[in-house]
Amino acid sequence: MKALPKRRAADRFVFYCEEFTRVEDAFVREKQVQNWSRAKRIALIEGRLNDLESNMK
């Protein structure tokens, strides 16, 4: 396995968690968030819900 170049290597890890009662709901949410822009994902992690609405695709 190749190592990532220094510019692509992670310098920190972020943990964000949501709870779901059904696995299917969790998969749908994961796919939804994966399609978001980087700015929108960062706003979600930081809890800036107002920015999420302004960054809607």
PDB file of N, CA and C in Angstrom:
ATOM      1  N   MET A   1       0.836  -1.185   0.000  1.00  0.00           N
ATOM      2  CA  MET A   1       0.000   0.000   0.000  1.00  0.00           C
ATOM      3  C   MET A   1       0.876   1.241   0.000  1.00  0.00           C
ATOM      4  N   LYS A   2       0.563   2.172  -0.872  1.00  0.00           N
ATOM      5  CA  LYS A   2       1.339   3.407  -0.957  1.00  0.00           C
ATOM      6  C   LYS A   2       0.943   4.364   0.160  1.00  0.00           C
ATOM      7  N   ALA A   3       1.919   5.101   0.626  1.00  0.00           N
ATOM      8  CA  ALA A   3       1.652   6.140   1.618  1.00  0.00           C
ATOM      9  C   ALA A   3       1.126   7.388   0.911  1.00  0.00           C
ATOM     10  N   LEU A   4       0.310   8.135   1.600  1.00  0.00           N
ATOM     11  CA  LEU A   4      -0.204   9.382   1.037  1.00  0.00           C
ATOM     12  C   LEU A   4       0.900  10.439   1.005  1.00  0.00           C
ATOM     13  N   PRO A   5       0.893  11.296  -0.005  1.00  0.00           N
ATOM     14  CA  PRO A   5       1.845  12.405   0.000  1.00  0.00           C
ATOM     15  C   PRO A   5       1.567  13.322   1.199  1.00  0.00           C
ATOM     16  N   LYS A   6       2.565  14.029   1.631  1.00  0.00           N
ATOM     17  CA  LYS A   6       2.440  14.867   2.823  1.00  0.00           C
ATOM     18  C   LYS A   6       1.266  15.841   2.705  1.00  0.00           C
ATOM     19  N   ARG A   7       1.016  16.393   1.539  1.00  0.00           N
ATOM     20  CA  ARG A   7      -0.070  17.360   1.389  1.00  0.00           C
ATOM     21  C   ARG A   7      -1.443  16.715   1.550  1.00  0.00           C
ATOM     22  N   ARG A   8      -1.539  15.399   1.412  1.00  0.00           N
ATOM     23  CA  ARG A   8      -2.816  14.702   1.532  1.00  0.00           C
ATOM     24  C   ARG A   8      -2.971  13.973   2.873  1.00  0.00           C
ATOM     25  N   ALA A   9      -1.909  13.901   3.649  1.00  0.00           N
ATOM     26  CA  ALA A   9      -1.949  13.170   4.914  1.00  0.00           C
ATOM     27  C   ALA A   9      -2.834  13.905   5.926  1.00  0.00           C
ATOM     28  N   ALA A  10      -3.534  13.156   6.753  1.00  0.00           N
ATOM     29  CA  ALA A  10      -4.409  13.748   7.766  1.00  0.00           C
ATOM     30  C   ALA A  10      -3.565  14.352   8.883  1.00  0.00           C
ATOM     31  N   ASP A  11      -3.935  15.550   9.298  1.00  0.00           N
ATOM     32  CA  ASP A  11      -3.238  16.166  10.426  1.00  0.00           C
ATOM     33  C   ASP A  11      -4.105  16.157  11.678  1.00  0.00           C
ATOM     34  N   ARG A  12      -5.400  15.790  11.515  1.00  0.00           N
ATOM     35  CA  ARG A  12      -6.285  15.639  12.666  1.00  0.00           C
ATOM     36  C   ARG A  12      -7.475  14.787  12.248  1.00  0.00           C
ATOM     37  N   PHE A  13      -8.084  14.166  13.229  1.00  0.00           N
ATOM     38  CA  PHE A  13      -9.261  13.364  12.985  1.00  0.00           C
ATOM     39  C   PHE A  13     -10.438  14.000  13.706  1.00  0.00           C
ATOM     40  N   VAL A  14     -11.581  13.958  13.071  1.00  0.00           N
ATOM     41  CA  VAL A  14     -12.783  14.569  13.628  1.00  0.00           C
ATOM     42  C   VAL A  14     -13.816  13.478  13.838  1.00  0.00           C
ATOM     43  N   PHE A  15     -14.481  13.524  14.974  1.00  0.00           N
ATOM     44  CA  PHE A  15     -15.516  12.551  15.276  1.00  0.00           C
ATOM     45  C   PHE A  15     -16.858  13.264  15.322  1.00  0.00           C
ATOM     46  N   TYR A  16     -17.794  12.789  14.543  1.00  0.00           N
ATOM     47  CA  TYR A  16     -19.159  13.323  14.543  1.00  0.00           C
ATOM     48  C   TYR A  16     -20.108  12.137  14.596  1.00  0.00           C
ATOM     49  N   CYS A  17     -21.148  12.222  15.394  1.00  0.00           N
ATOM     50  CA  CYS A  17     -22.017  11.075  15.581  1.00  0.00           C
ATOM     51  C   CYS A  17     -23.489  11.485  15.556  1.00  0.00           C
ATOM     52  N   GLU A  18     -24.303  10.695  14.893  1.00  0.00           N
ATOM     53  CA  GLU A  18     -25.755  10.803  14.933  1.00  0.00           C
ATOM     54  C   GLU A  18     -26.283   9.415  15.266  1.00  0.00           C
ATOM     55  N   GLU A  19     -27.399   9.346  15.982  1.00  0.00           N
ATOM     56  CA  GLU A  19     -27.984   8.056  16.328  1.00  0.00           C
ATOM     57  C   GLU A  19     -29.216   7.780  15.477  1.00  0.00           C
ATOM     58  N   PHE A  20     -29.338   6.529  15.038  1.00  0.00           N
ATOM     59  CA  PHE A  20     -30.478   6.093  14.245  1.00  0.00           C
ATOM     60  C   PHE A  20     -30.999   4.788  14.826  1.00  0.00           C
ATOM     61  N   THR A  21     -32.296   4.573  14.731  1.00  0.00           N
ATOM     62  CA  THR A  21     -32.875   3.323  15.218  1.00  0.00           C
ATOM     63  C   THR A  21     -32.797   2.228  14.160  1.00  0.00           C
ATOM     64  N   ARG A  22     -32.723   2.609  12.894  1.00  0.00           N
ATOM     65  CA  ARG A  22     -32.644   1.636  11.806  1.00  0.00           C
ATOM     66  C   ARG A  22     -31.348   1.814  11.035  1.00  0.00           C
ATOM     67  N   VAL A  23     -30.710   0.722  10.698  1.00  0.00           N
ATOM     68  CA  VAL A  23     -29.455   0.750   9.940  1.00  0.00           C
ATOM     69  C   VAL A  23     -29.674   1.405   8.578  1.00  0.00           C
ATOM     70  N   GLU A  24     -30.805   1.148   7.959  1.00  0.00           N
ATOM     71  CA  GLU A  24     -31.099   1.710   6.645  1.00  0.00           C
ATOM     72  C   GLU A  24     -31.085   3.237   6.685  1.00  0.00           C
ATOM     73  N   ASP A  25     -31.642   3.806   7.761  1.00  0.00           N
ATOM     74  CA  ASP A  25     -31.657   5.264   7.913  1.00  0.00           C
ATOM     75  C   ASP A  25     -30.241   5.819   8.038  1.00  0.00           C
ATOM     76  N   ALA A  26     -29.381   5.095   8.748  1.00  0.00           N
ATOM     77  CA  ALA A  26     -27.990   5.523   8.911  1.00  0.00           C
ATOM     78  C   ALA A  26     -27.256   5.518   7.568  1.00  0.00           C
ATOM     79  N   PHE A  27     -27.484   4.485   6.749  1.00  0.00           N
ATOM     80  CA  PHE A  27     -26.844   4.416   5.435  1.00  0.00           C
ATOM     81  C   PHE A  27     -27.311   5.541   4.526  1.00  0.00           C
ATOM     82  N   VAL A  28     -28.607   5.848   4.564  1.00  0.00           N
ATOM     83  CA  VAL A  28     -29.145   6.941   3.743  1.00  0.00           C
ATOM     84  C   VAL A  28     -28.502   8.263   4.147  1.00  0.00           C
ATOM     85  N   ARG A  29     -28.393   8.495   5.462  1.00  0.00           N
ATOM     86  CA  ARG A  29     -27.780   9.737   5.956  1.00  0.00           C
ATOM     87  C   ARG A  29     -26.309   9.819   5.561  1.00  0.00           C
ATOM     88  N   GLU A  30     -25.599   8.695   5.672  1.00  0.00           N
ATOM     89  CA  GLU A  30     -24.184   8.679   5.308  1.00  0.00           C
ATOM     90  C   GLU A  30     -23.992   9.045   3.838  1.00  0.00           C
ATOM     91  N   LYS A  31     -24.806   8.469   2.963  1.00  0.00           N
ATOM     92  CA  LYS A  31     -24.711   8.783   1.542  1.00  0.00           C
ATOM     93  C   LYS A  31     -25.053  10.245   1.272  1.00  0.00           C
ATOM     94  N   GLN A  32     -26.030  10.777   2.016  1.00  0.00           N
ATOM     95  CA  GLN A  32     -26.416  12.176   1.856  1.00  0.00           C
ATOM     96  C   GLN A  32     -25.240  13.090   2.197  1.00  0.00           C
ATOM     97  N   VAL A  33     -24.608  12.848   3.329  1.00  0.00           N
ATOM     98  CA  VAL A  33     -23.495  13.693   3.788  1.00  0.00           C
ATOM     99  C   VAL A  33     -22.284  13.548   2.867  1.00  0.00           C
ATOM    100  N   GLN A  34     -22.050  12.356   2.329  1.00  0.00           N
ATOM    101  CA  GLN A  34     -20.919  12.149   1.414  1.00  0.00           C
ATOM    102  C   GLN A  34     -21.048  13.000   0.157  1.00  0.00           C
ATOM    103  N   ASN A  35     -22.256  13.316  -0.251  1.00  0.00           N
ATOM    104  CA  ASN A  35     -22.462  14.122  -1.454  1.00  0.00           C
ATOM    105  C   ASN A  35     -22.400  15.626  -1.194  1.00  0.00           C
ATOM    106  N   TRP A  36     -22.275  16.021   0.050  1.00  0.00           N
ATOM    107  CA  TRP A  36     -22.213  17.441   0.386  1.00  0.00           C
ATOM    108  C   TRP A  36     -20.838  18.014   0.070  1.00  0.00           C
ATOM    109  N   SER A  37     -20.787  19.331  -0.043  1.00  0.00           N
ATOM    110  CA  SER A  37     -19.507  20.019  -0.237  1.00  0.00           C
ATOM    111  C   SER A  37     -18.704  19.977   1.070  1.00  0.00           C
ATOM    112  N   ARG A  38     -17.426  20.225   0.955  1.00  0.00           N
ATOM    113  CA  ARG A  38     -16.559  20.234   2.141  1.00  0.00           C
ATOM    114  C   ARG A  38     -17.013  21.300   3.142  1.00  0.00           C
ATOM    115  N   ALA A  39     -17.389  22.468   2.646  1.00  0.00           N
ATOM    116  CA  ALA A  39     -17.831  23.559   3.526  1.00  0.00           C
ATOM    117  C   ALA A  39     -19.077  23.158   4.311  1.00  0.00           C
ATOM    118  N   LYS A  40     -19.983  22.461   3.662  1.00  0.00           N
ATOM    119  CA  LYS A  40     -21.208  22.045   4.321  1.00  0.00           C
ATOM    120  C   LYS A  40     -20.928  20.968   5.378  1.00  0.00           C
ATOM    121  N   ARG A  41     -20.021  20.027   5.086  1.00  0.00           N
ATOM    122  CA  ARG A  41     -19.664  18.994   6.068  1.00  0.00           C
ATOM    123  C   ARG A  41     -18.983  19.615   7.281  1.00  0.00           C
ATOM    124  N   ILE A  42     -18.126  20.596   7.070  1.00  0.00           N
ATOM    125  CA  ILE A  42     -17.455  21.263   8.191  1.00  0.00           C
ATOM    126  C   ILE A  42     -18.468  22.013   9.046  1.00  0.00           C
ATOM    127  N   ALA A  43     -19.438  22.663   8.405  1.00  0.00           N
ATOM    128  CA  ALA A  43     -20.489  23.365   9.150  1.00  0.00           C
ATOM    129  C   ALA A  43     -21.282  22.379  10.004  1.00  0.00           C
ATOM    130  N   LEU A  44     -21.561  21.185   9.489  1.00  0.00           N
ATOM    131  CA  LEU A  44     -22.272  20.165  10.252  1.00  0.00           C
ATOM    132  C   LEU A  44     -21.459  19.729  11.466  1.00  0.00           C
ATOM    133  N   ILE A  45     -20.179  19.466  11.260  1.00  0.00           N
ATOM    134  CA  ILE A  45     -19.303  19.027  12.357  1.00  0.00           C
ATOM    135  C   ILE A  45     -19.203  20.096  13.439  1.00  0.00           C
ATOM    136  N   GLU A  46     -19.093  21.347  13.027  1.00  0.00           N
ATOM    137  CA  GLU A  46     -18.941  22.445  13.984  1.00  0.00           C
ATOM    138  C   GLU A  46     -20.263  22.917  14.568  1.00  0.00           C
ATOM    139  N   GLY A  47     -21.382  22.361  14.108  1.00  0.00           N
ATOM    140  CA  GLY A  47     -22.679  22.708  14.667  1.00  0.00           C
ATOM    141  C   GLY A  47     -23.235  24.032  14.185  1.00  0.00           C
ATOM    142  N   ARG A  48     -22.746  24.513  13.057  1.00  0.00           N
ATOM    143  CA  ARG A  48     -23.241  25.777  12.505  1.00  0.00           C
ATOM    144  C   ARG A  48     -24.429  25.497  11.594  1.00  0.00           C
ATOM    145  N   LEU A  49     -25.590  25.281  12.187  1.00  0.00           N
ATOM    146  CA  LEU A  49     -26.771  24.880  11.433  1.00  0.00           C
ATOM    147  C   LEU A  49     -27.255  25.968  10.482  1.00  0.00           C
ATOM    148  N   ASN A  50     -27.062  27.228  10.836  1.00  0.00           N
ATOM    149  CA  ASN A  50     -27.458  28.322   9.933  1.00  0.00           C
ATOM    150  C   ASN A  50     -26.651  28.288   8.644  1.00  0.00           C
ATOM    151  N   ASP A  51     -25.382  27.919   8.738  1.00  0.00           N
ATOM    152  CA  ASP A  51     -24.532  27.830   7.553  1.00  0.00           C
ATOM    153  C   ASP A  51     -24.940  26.655   6.666  1.00  0.00           C
ATOM    154  N   LEU A  52     -25.503  25.618   7.263  1.00  0.00           N
ATOM    155  CA  LEU A  52     -25.959  24.488   6.462  1.00  0.00           C
ATOM    156  C   LEU A  52     -27.057  24.920   5.494  1.00  0.00           C
ATOM    157  N   GLU A  53     -27.977  25.723   5.973  1.00  0.00           N
ATOM    158  CA  GLU A  53     -29.072  26.191   5.125  1.00  0.00           C
ATOM    159  C   GLU A  53     -28.549  27.091   4.006  1.00  0.00           C
ATOM    160  N   SER A  54     -27.561  27.939   4.302  1.00  0.00           N
ATOM    161  CA  SER A  54     -27.035  28.842   3.271  1.00  0.00           C
ATOM    162  C   SER A  54     -26.137  28.108   2.279  1.00  0.00           C
ATOM    163  N   ASN A  55     -25.605  26.944   2.646  1.00  0.00           N
ATOM    164  CA  ASN A  55     -24.738  26.166   1.759  1.00  0.00           C
ATOM    165  C   ASN A  55     -25.479  25.046   1.045  1.00  0.00           C
ATOM    166  N   MET A  56     -26.796  25.078   1.058  1.00  0.00           N
ATOM    167  CA  MET A  56     -27.566  23.998   0.439  1.00  0.00           C
ATOM    168  C   MET A  56     -27.231  23.902  -1.035  1.00  0.00           C
ATOM    169  N   LYS A  57     -27.131  22.669  -1.519  1.00  0.00           N
ATOM    170  CA  LYS A  57     -26.847  22.426  -2.939  1.00  0.00           C
ATOM    171  C   LYS A  57     -28.050  22.755  -3.752  1.00  0.00           C
TER     172      LYS A  57
END
